[in-house]
């Protein structure tokens, strides 16, 4: 949780997964620093999502989008 807060600031963009990670991502923005919920689960509160989301179900949007763009560009280079 401390590492998450050191890397991410309030206002950073994320994909949140309410169910299985990788399925039905929700675009959202970090509203608070991460905190420990009920003494055991690191979570964050985000605009665009009701309730909090476990840190394990968050993915920074720029990282995810950058990886997709890199993959697309590499595929184009391979076929070009």
Protein backbone atom coordinates (compact mmCIF):
# COMPACT_ATOMS: atom_id res chain seq x y z
CA UNK A 1 0.00 0.00 0.00
CA UNK A 2 2.83 2.40 0.83
CA UNK A 3 4.45 1.57 -2.53
CA UNK A 4 1.14 2.17 -4.34
CA UNK A 5 0.77 5.59 -2.70
CA UNK A 6 4.36 6.49 -3.57
CA UNK A 7 3.78 5.65 -7.25
CA UNK A 8 0.25 7.00 -7.71
CA UNK A 9 -1.26 10.38 -6.89
CA UNK A 10 -4.86 11.41 -6.40
CA UNK A 11 -6.13 12.23 -9.90
CA UNK A 12 -4.27 9.38 -11.64
CA UNK A 13 -6.34 7.42 -14.18
CA UNK A 14 -7.00 3.70 -13.65
CA UNK A 15 -8.91 0.75 -15.01
CA UNK A 16 -10.89 -0.87 -12.21
CA UNK A 17 -12.18 -4.42 -12.28
CA UNK A 18 -15.16 -5.14 -10.02
CA UNK A 19 -15.13 -8.81 -10.97
CA UNK A 20 -12.36 -10.82 -12.60
CA UNK A 21 -9.34 -8.75 -13.52
CA UNK A 22 -9.26 -8.22 -17.27
CA UNK A 23 -13.03 -8.40 -17.72
CA UNK A 24 -15.26 -5.34 -18.11
CA UNK A 25 -12.81 -2.61 -17.06
CA UNK A 26 -14.23 0.64 -15.71
CA UNK A 27 -12.39 3.89 -16.47
CA UNK A 28 -11.95 5.80 -13.23
CA UNK A 29 -9.78 8.31 -11.40
CA UNK A 30 -8.06 7.88 -8.03
CA UNK A 31 -9.97 9.94 -5.43
CA UNK A 32 -7.98 9.07 -2.28
CA UNK A 33 -4.65 7.53 -1.36
CA UNK A 34 -4.82 3.78 -0.74
CA UNK A 35 -5.84 2.66 2.74
CA UNK A 36 -6.31 -0.57 4.65
CA UNK A 37 -9.96 -1.67 4.77
CA UNK A 38 -10.99 -3.50 7.95
CA UNK A 39 -7.35 -4.04 8.81
CA UNK A 40 -6.63 -6.53 6.01
CA UNK A 41 -7.39 -5.38 2.43
CA UNK A 42 -5.56 -2.52 0.72
CA UNK A 43 -8.12 -0.49 -1.25
CA UNK A 44 -8.59 2.83 -2.99
CA UNK A 45 -11.62 5.02 -3.55
CA UNK A 46 -12.14 6.19 -7.13
CA UNK A 47 -14.38 8.57 -9.04
CA UNK A 48 -16.43 6.57 -11.51
CA UNK A 49 -16.86 3.54 -9.22
CA UNK A 50 -19.17 3.10 -6.24
CA UNK A 51 -17.48 1.72 -3.19
CA UNK A 52 -13.79 1.01 -2.95
CA UNK A 53 -11.68 -1.31 -5.09
CA UNK A 54 -8.91 -3.62 -3.90
CA UNK A 55 -5.52 -2.54 -5.21
CA UNK A 56 -5.19 -5.96 -6.86
CA UNK A 57 -8.13 -4.96 -9.09
CA UNK A 58 -6.64 -1.68 -10.33
CA UNK A 59 -4.44 -1.07 -13.34
CA UNK A 60 -3.01 2.34 -14.29
CA UNK A 61 -4.68 3.39 -17.54
CA UNK A 62 -1.59 4.82 -19.21
CA UNK A 63 0.38 1.63 -18.59
CA UNK A 64 -2.40 -0.55 -19.99
CA UNK A 65 -3.03 1.73 -22.97
CA UNK A 66 0.70 2.07 -23.65
CA UNK A 67 1.13 -1.72 -23.70
CA UNK A 68 -1.79 -2.06 -26.12
CA UNK A 69 -0.37 0.65 -28.38
CA UNK A 70 3.09 -0.94 -28.27
CA UNK A 71 1.60 -4.34 -29.14
CA UNK A 72 -0.38 -2.83 -32.04
CA UNK A 73 2.66 -0.98 -33.35
CA UNK A 74 4.83 -4.10 -33.11
CA UNK A 75 2.22 -6.13 -34.98
CA UNK A 76 2.08 -3.49 -37.74
CA UNK A 77 5.88 -3.48 -37.99
CA UNK A 78 5.94 -7.26 -38.26
CA UNK A 79 3.44 -7.18 -41.15
CA UNK A 80 4.69 -4.01 -42.84
